[in-house]
Amino acid sequence: MNLRDRLTGARLAFAGLVLIMVLLPSLATAFFVNFVMTQTLILGLAAATIVFLAKYGGMTSLAQLLMFGIAGFMFGNAALAGGARGLNLGWHPWAAVGFALLVTTVAAFVLGAIASRTTGIYFLMLTLVYGVIGYFVFAQIVEISGPGGITSIQRPDLLGPPIRLYYAGLLLSVLAYLGFRAVRRTAFGLALQGVRDDPVRMASLGFNVALHRTLAFTMAGFVAGLAGLLNVWWNGQIDPASISIGPTLILLIIAVIGGISSLEGAWLGAFVYVLVFTYLRDLPLVDRIGITEARFNTVIGVIVLAIMVLSPEGLTGIGQRLRRRLRRRVAAEAAPTAGDSLPVHTTQKELGGTRP
């Protein structure tokens, strides 16, 4: 199978998956669609920004949930009016959406500009510090949130029914996936991958390494902000605890479960996480053992450990290895054997020889 056939097969598989997702509300229960799958799309969209930065920029960021939260808090402050905790600006919901995304993008640009001059463990720790600072900012400043957060947040009328929120998550997920894959083939994306591989050489060639990292961080922050808006519409509230260290690490775990080197892994990891979180405690054996929500993190830790031992590339890495083995097996079965090199009834004369 040549590269063109593989690309065609991948596109057909992607189109088939999207079609299944579109038809899913008519095939599954409302609970599965509106709770499991909607939450999967939201968390997958946020985790995809971690994968994008790590895969194409060589930056493992723990600040993506902060961008996720900033969008939610800013929307709540701008959209609510009177009586609710926050600024109570009372703007039109779509004006509040624009405001939330603007603040999130600006915050991502500023924080990205600061972090862009660090690499490796220093970048990871600095983005973790961003998350911690963000948590305390929203927890302690009651004018924008306070410890209790913001409640009674209504989604725009256009997204009123829960099924519409599912389709909004599906649309944004498809656009983000295609957009991230398209970026890698642009001049900016190629330069970003060069910065990932050898920043010193790219700088010597005249590329602004810090600017490329900053713009990539800003792009990822914008997409994380979109996921944050979906999340606050789905929950109807947001509080500082939702962007604390625990949820921040969970988002990274989701990316690791699916595969930090594959964009598809973000949604796959989110699906596995939500599925386990939703249905694990309903299993008879698990119920007998007594796994409560307090012990759920231990279960997730064991799952992550098992996946990392079996495949450091996550679940997508396991799938890729299985596909490679299948292709090799098919190729081996299709290859002619030694006995098949000549027809069975080939005569000596046809071989060009003579009888003794």
Protein backbone atom coordinates (compact mmCIF):
# COMPACT_ATOMS: atom_id res chain seq x y z
CA MET A 1 0.00 0.00 0.00
CA ASN A 2 1.54 3.30 -1.09
CA LEU A 3 1.34 6.65 0.69
CA ARG A 4 -1.49 7.90 -1.50
CA ASP A 5 -3.64 4.87 -0.69
CA ARG A 6 -2.94 5.32 3.03
CA LEU A 7 -3.95 8.98 2.93
CA THR A 8 -7.13 8.11 1.07
CA GLY A 9 -7.92 5.40 3.59
CA ALA A 10 -7.29 7.76 6.51
CA ARG A 11 -9.58 10.39 5.00
CA LEU A 12 -12.33 7.86 4.42
CA ALA A 13 -11.96 6.60 7.99
CA PHE A 14 -12.16 10.16 9.33
CA ALA A 15 -15.23 10.93 7.20
CA GLY A 16 -16.87 7.70 8.37
CA LEU A 17 -16.18 8.53 12.01
CA VAL A 18 -17.65 12.01 11.63
CA LEU A 19 -20.72 10.53 9.95
CA ILE A 20 -21.18 8.11 12.85
CA MET A 21 -20.86 10.98 15.31
CA VAL A 22 -23.47 12.98 13.40
CA LEU A 23 -25.90 10.05 13.46
CA LEU A 24 -25.10 9.07 17.05
CA PRO A 25 -28.07 10.88 18.67
CA SER A 26 -30.42 8.60 16.74
CA LEU A 27 -28.43 5.48 17.65
CA ALA A 28 -27.66 5.97 21.37
CA THR A 29 -29.46 7.08 24.49
CA ALA A 30 -29.83 10.74 25.39
CA PHE A 31 -27.69 10.23 28.51
CA PHE A 32 -24.81 8.73 26.52
CA VAL A 33 -24.90 11.53 23.94
CA ASN A 34 -25.53 14.52 26.20
CA PHE A 35 -23.32 13.43 29.07
CA VAL A 36 -20.62 11.02 27.90
CA MET A 37 -20.04 12.19 24.34
CA THR A 38 -20.54 15.91 24.92
CA GLN A 39 -18.09 15.82 27.79
CA THR A 40 -15.70 13.76 25.65
CA LEU A 41 -15.77 16.39 22.90
CA ILE A 42 -15.18 19.22 25.38
CA LEU A 43 -12.27 17.57 27.18
CA GLY A 44 -10.85 16.24 23.92
CA LEU A 45 -10.87 19.72 22.41
CA ALA A 46 -8.96 21.08 25.42
CA ALA A 47 -6.51 18.14 25.46
CA ALA A 48 -5.87 18.60 21.73
CA THR A 49 -4.17 21.91 22.53
CA ILE A 50 -1.70 20.07 24.78
CA VAL A 51 -1.02 17.57 22.00
CA PHE A 52 -0.62 20.35 19.41
CA LEU A 53 1.97 22.21 21.47
CA ALA A 54 3.86 19.02 22.37
CA LYS A 55 3.74 17.44 18.91
CA TYR A 56 4.57 20.43 16.73
CA GLY A 57 6.22 22.84 19.15
CA GLY A 58 7.98 20.55 21.61
CA MET A 59 6.21 22.35 24.49
CA THR A 60 4.39 20.38 27.17
CA SER A 61 2.01 22.92 28.70
CA LEU A 62 0.10 22.67 31.96
CA ALA A 63 -1.56 26.05 31.42
CA GLN A 64 -4.21 24.90 28.95
CA LEU A 65 -6.83 24.36 31.65
CA LEU A 66 -6.20 27.91 32.82
CA MET A 67 -7.09 29.19 29.33
CA PHE A 68 -10.08 26.87 29.49
CA GLY A 69 -11.13 28.46 32.78
CA ILE A 70 -10.45 32.07 31.81
CA ALA A 71 -12.93 31.80 28.94
CA GLY A 72 -15.58 30.36 31.23
CA PHE A 73 -15.09 32.95 33.96
CA MET A 74 -15.05 35.85 31.51
CA PHE A 75 -18.22 34.66 29.82
CA GLY A 76 -19.96 34.31 33.18
CA ASN A 77 -18.89 37.80 34.25
CA ALA A 78 -19.96 39.37 30.97
CA ALA A 79 -23.24 37.54 30.37
CA LEU A 80 -24.81 37.59 33.83
CA ALA A 81 -26.65 40.62 35.15
CA GLY A 82 -27.81 41.46 38.67
CA GLY A 83 -27.67 39.26 41.73
CA ALA A 84 -25.04 36.81 40.51
CA ARG A 85 -21.48 36.80 41.74
CA GLY A 86 -19.08 38.58 39.35
CA LEU A 87 -18.97 41.76 37.35
CA ASN A 88 -22.62 41.42 36.23
CA LEU A 89 -22.09 43.26 32.95
CA GLY A 90 -25.30 41.88 31.47
CA TRP A 91 -24.07 41.79 27.89
CA HIS A 92 -25.67 39.90 25.04
CA PRO A 93 -24.49 36.25 25.14
CA TRP A 94 -22.65 36.46 21.83
CA ALA A 95 -20.97 39.71 22.85
CA ALA A 96 -19.91 37.89 26.01
CA VAL A 97 -18.50 35.09 23.84
CA GLY A 98 -16.38 37.58 21.90
CA PHE A 99 -15.19 39.21 25.12
CA ALA A 100 -14.29 35.85 26.69
CA LEU A 101 -12.31 34.71 23.66
CA LEU A 102 -10.55 38.08 23.37
CA VAL A 103 -9.43 38.04 27.02
CA THR A 104 -8.36 34.40 26.74
CA THR A 105 -6.34 35.01 23.57
CA VAL A 106 -4.62 38.08 25.02
CA ALA A 107 -3.80 36.18 28.22
CA ALA A 108 -2.41 33.29 26.17
CA PHE A 109 -0.25 35.69 24.14
CA VAL A 110 1.17 37.41 27.22
CA LEU A 111 1.81 34.19 29.12
CA GLY A 112 3.21 32.55 25.99
CA ALA A 113 5.60 35.45 25.42
CA ILE A 114 6.96 35.01 28.95
CA ALA A 115 7.26 31.22 28.71
CA SER A 116 8.59 31.13 25.14
CA ARG A 117 12.18 31.67 26.25
CA THR A 118 12.20 28.52 28.37
CA THR A 119 12.23 24.89 27.26
CA GLY A 120 11.79 21.40 28.64
CA ILE A 121 11.17 21.03 32.36
CA TYR A 122 11.42 24.80 32.88
CA PHE A 123 8.60 25.44 30.43
CA LEU A 124 6.53 22.71 32.08
CA MET A 125 7.05 24.13 35.56
CA LEU A 126 6.40 27.71 34.47
CA THR A 127 3.08 26.77 32.89
CA LEU A 128 2.22 24.88 36.09
CA VAL A 129 2.92 28.08 38.01
CA TYR A 130 0.52 29.87 35.64
CA GLY A 131 -2.19 27.40 36.60
CA VAL A 132 -1.56 27.82 40.33
CA ILE A 133 -1.59 31.63 40.08
CA GLY A 134 -4.78 31.52 38.01
CA TYR A 135 -6.48 29.36 40.61
CA PHE A 136 -5.68 31.78 43.45
CA VAL A 137 -6.63 34.82 41.36
CA PHE A 138 -10.13 33.53 40.73
CA ALA A 139 -10.48 32.05 44.22
CA GLN A 140 -9.51 35.22 46.08
CA ILE A 141 -10.87 38.06 43.94
CA VAL A 142 -14.59 37.99 44.69
CA GLU A 143 -15.34 40.68 42.10
CA ILE A 144 -14.72 38.17 39.30
CA SER A 145 -15.43 34.85 41.05
CA GLY A 146 -14.51 34.07 44.62
CA PRO A 147 -14.33 30.57 46.17
CA GLY A 148 -17.95 29.77 45.24
CA GLY A 149 -17.46 30.57 41.58
CA ILE A 150 -20.19 31.75 39.22
CA THR A 151 -23.50 29.92 38.95
CA SER A 152 -26.73 30.13 36.91
CA ILE A 153 -24.86 30.65 33.65
CA GLN A 154 -27.18 30.26 30.68
CA ARG A 155 -26.03 29.20 27.24
CA PRO A 156 -27.10 31.24 24.17
CA ASP A 157 -30.60 30.52 22.88
CA LEU A 158 -29.17 29.01 19.72
CA LEU A 159 -27.60 26.24 21.84
CA GLY A 160 -30.57 25.81 24.17
CA PRO A 161 -31.35 22.08 23.70
CA PRO A 162 -28.55 19.79 24.97
CA ILE A 163 -28.29 18.06 21.59
CA ARG A 164 -27.24 21.34 19.99
CA LEU A 165 -24.39 21.65 22.44
CA TYR A 166 -23.25 18.18 21.38
CA TYR A 167 -23.26 19.19 17.73
CA ALA A 168 -21.45 22.44 18.59
CA GLY A 169 -18.75 20.40 20.32
CA LEU A 170 -18.54 18.05 17.35
CA LEU A 171 -18.23 20.95 14.88
CA LEU A 172 -15.52 22.71 16.90
CA SER A 173 -13.65 19.43 17.39
CA VAL A 174 -13.64 18.70 13.65
CA LEU A 175 -12.53 22.26 12.83
CA ALA A 176 -9.78 22.18 15.47
CA TYR A 177 -8.51 18.80 14.28
CA LEU A 178 -8.43 19.84 10.63
CA GLY A 179 -7.02 23.26 11.55
CA PHE A 180 -4.13 21.86 13.60
CA ARG A 181 -3.29 19.39 10.84
CA ALA A 182 -3.42 22.16 8.24
CA VAL A 183 -1.15 24.42 10.30
CA ARG A 184 1.64 21.85 10.28
CA ARG A 185 1.91 22.14 6.48
CA THR A 186 2.07 25.94 6.42
CA ALA A 187 5.29 27.94 6.48
CA PHE A 188 4.61 28.77 10.12
CA GLY A 189 3.98 25.12 11.00
CA LEU A 190 7.13 23.91 9.28
CA ALA A 191 9.17 26.60 11.02
CA LEU A 192 7.57 25.65 14.35
CA GLN A 193 8.58 22.03 13.85
CA GLY A 194 12.08 23.21 13.03
CA VAL A 195 12.13 25.20 16.27
CA ARG A 196 11.01 22.05 18.08
CA ASP A 197 13.85 19.97 16.60
CA ASP A 198 16.73 22.47 16.67
CA PRO A 199 15.97 25.96 18.03
CA VAL A 200 19.62 27.07 17.91
CA ARG A 201 19.96 26.31 14.22
CA MET A 202 16.59 27.92 13.43
CA ALA A 203 17.67 31.07 15.26
CA SER A 204 20.92 31.12 13.31
CA LEU A 205 18.88 30.91 10.09
CA GLY A 206 17.02 34.08 11.06
CA PHE A 207 13.81 32.63 12.54
CA ASN A 208 12.35 34.29 15.62
CA VAL A 209 12.16 31.26 17.90
CA ALA A 210 10.38 33.03 20.76
CA LEU A 211 7.76 34.52 18.44
CA HIS A 212 6.93 31.17 16.86
CA ARG A 213 6.48 29.59 20.28
CA THR A 214 4.39 32.53 21.46
CA LEU A 215 2.07 32.37 18.47
CA ALA A 216 1.65 28.61 18.84
CA PHE A 217 0.81 29.08 22.53
CA THR A 218 -1.69 31.79 21.62
CA MET A 219 -3.36 29.59 19.02
CA ALA A 220 -3.64 26.75 21.51
CA GLY A 221 -5.02 29.15 24.12
CA PHE A 222 -7.76 30.31 21.75
CA VAL A 223 -8.88 26.73 21.07
CA ALA A 224 -8.76 25.93 24.78
CA GLY A 225 -10.98 28.99 25.29
CA LEU A 226 -13.54 27.55 22.89
CA ALA A 227 -13.56 24.35 24.93
CA GLY A 228 -13.96 26.42 28.09
CA LEU A 229 -17.07 28.10 26.69
CA LEU A 230 -18.60 24.74 25.83
CA ASN A 231 -17.78 23.53 29.32
CA VAL A 232 -19.42 26.46 31.10
CA TRP A 233 -22.51 26.10 28.92
CA TRP A 234 -22.65 22.38 29.66
CA ASN A 235 -22.19 22.78 33.42
CA GLY A 236 -24.05 26.05 33.89
CA GLN A 237 -21.43 27.14 36.41
CA ILE A 238 -17.70 27.43 36.99
CA ASP A 239 -15.60 27.69 40.13
CA PRO A 240 -11.87 27.95 40.91
CA ALA A 241 -11.70 24.28 41.97
CA SER A 242 -12.38 23.30 38.34
CA ILE A 243 -9.01 24.80 37.28
CA SER A 244 -6.96 23.65 40.28
CA ILE A 245 -3.97 21.30 40.17
CA GLY A 246 -6.10 18.14 40.12
CA PRO A 247 -8.11 18.95 36.98
CA THR A 248 -4.97 20.36 35.35
CA LEU A 249 -3.18 17.04 35.75
CA ILE A 250 -6.29 15.15 34.62
CA LEU A 251 -6.23 17.05 31.31
CA LEU A 252 -2.59 16.05 30.84
CA ILE A 253 -3.45 12.46 31.76
CA ILE A 254 -6.18 12.45 29.10
CA ALA A 255 -3.62 13.48 26.48
CA VAL A 256 -1.18 10.81 27.69
CA ILE A 257 -3.81 8.05 27.67
CA GLY A 258 -4.72 8.77 24.06
CA GLY A 259 -1.19 9.51 22.91
CA ILE A 260 0.69 12.76 23.31
CA SER A 261 2.10 12.44 19.78
CA SER A 262 -1.26 12.09 18.02
CA LEU A 263 -4.06 14.62 17.69
CA GLU A 264 -6.62 11.82 17.51
CA GLY A 265 -5.38 10.66 20.89
CA ALA A 266 -6.80 13.74 22.62
CA TRP A 267 -10.39 12.70 21.93
CA LEU A 268 -9.66 9.01 22.38
CA GLY A 269 -8.13 9.66 25.79
CA ALA A 270 -11.07 11.87 26.76
CA PHE A 271 -13.52 9.16 25.72
CA VAL A 272 -11.74 6.52 27.79
CA TYR A 273 -11.53 8.83 30.80
CA VAL A 274 -15.20 9.85 30.70
CA LEU A 275 -16.28 6.27 30.05
CA VAL A 276 -14.31 4.96 33.02
CA PHE A 277 -15.46 7.81 35.26
CA THR A 278 -19.11 7.30 34.31
CA TYR A 279 -19.48 3.53 34.26
CA LEU A 280 -16.64 2.04 36.32
CA ARG A 281 -18.41 2.29 39.66
CA ASP A 282 -21.53 0.60 38.25
CA LEU A 283 -19.70 -2.67 37.60
CA PRO A 284 -20.59 -5.39 40.18
CA LEU A 285 -16.95 -6.26 40.95
CA VAL A 286 -15.97 -2.63 41.35
CA ASP A 287 -18.97 -1.97 43.54
CA ARG A 288 -18.04 -4.94 45.73
CA ILE A 289 -14.49 -3.64 46.10
CA GLY A 290 -15.90 -0.28 47.04
CA ILE A 291 -14.24 2.14 44.64
CA THR A 292 -15.55 5.58 45.49
CA GLU A 293 -14.83 8.87 43.79
CA ALA A 294 -12.00 9.43 46.25
CA ARG A 295 -10.33 6.24 44.98
CA PHE A 296 -11.08 6.95 41.35
CA ASN A 297 -7.79 8.79 40.84
CA THR A 298 -5.96 5.66 41.96
CA VAL A 299 -7.79 3.64 39.33
CA ILE A 300 -6.94 6.20 36.65
CA GLY A 301 -3.32 6.13 37.81
CA VAL A 302 -3.18 2.36 37.39
CA ILE A 303 -4.70 2.65 33.91
CA VAL A 304 -2.16 5.30 32.89
CA LEU A 305 0.69 3.18 34.28
CA ALA A 306 -0.49 0.13 32.34
CA ILE A 307 -0.80 2.11 29.12
CA MET A 308 2.64 3.68 29.54
CA VAL A 309 4.22 0.27 30.12
CA LEU A 310 2.49 -1.32 27.13
CA SER A 311 2.76 1.71 24.84
CA PRO A 312 4.49 5.02 25.67
CA GLU A 313 2.64 6.46 22.65
CA GLY A 314 -0.71 5.80 24.32
CA LEU A 315 -3.72 4.04 22.86
CA THR A 316 -3.09 5.47 19.40
CA GLY A 317 0.40 3.97 19.51
CA ILE A 318 -1.11 0.55 20.19
CA GLY A 319 -3.48 1.03 17.26
CA GLN A 320 -0.64 2.07 14.95
CA ARG A 321 1.40 -1.01 15.86
CA LEU A 322 -1.57 -3.27 15.19
CA ARG A 323 -2.11 -1.65 11.78
CA ARG A 324 1.55 -2.08 10.87
CA ARG A 325 1.45 -5.74 11.82
CA LEU A 326 -1.72 -6.24 9.81
CA ARG A 327 -0.19 -4.56 6.76
CA ARG A 328 2.95 -6.72 7.02
CA ARG A 329 0.83 -9.84 7.33
CA VAL A 330 -1.27 -8.90 4.31
CA ALA A 331 1.85 -8.07 2.32
CA ALA A 332 3.45 -11.39 3.29
CA GLU A 333 0.37 -13.33 2.23
CA ALA A 334 0.18 -11.45 -1.07
CA ALA A 335 3.88 -11.96 -1.91
CA PRO A 336 4.62 -14.92 -4.26
CA THR A 337 6.34 -17.90 -2.66
CA ALA A 338 9.26 -19.81 -4.19
CA GLY A 339 6.97 -22.53 -5.48
CA ASP A 340 4.75 -20.01 -7.21
CA SER A 341 7.56 -18.45 -9.24
CA LEU A 342 6.92 -20.70 -12.24
CA PRO A 343 3.73 -22.19 -13.67
CA VAL A 344 3.09 -25.77 -12.63
CA HIS A 345 3.01 -27.11 -16.20
CA THR A 346 6.09 -25.28 -17.50
CA THR A 347 8.03 -27.60 -19.83
CA GLN A 348 11.78 -27.86 -20.30
CA LYS A 349 11.44 -26.45 -23.79
CA GLU A 350 9.62 -23.37 -22.49
CA LEU A 351 12.53 -22.83 -20.10
CA GLY A 352 14.88 -22.74 -23.06
CA GLY A 353 16.68 -25.97 -22.21
CA THR A 354 17.16 -29.26 -24.12
CA ARG A 355 16.46 -32.84 -23.26
CA PRO A 356 19.54 -34.89 -22.30
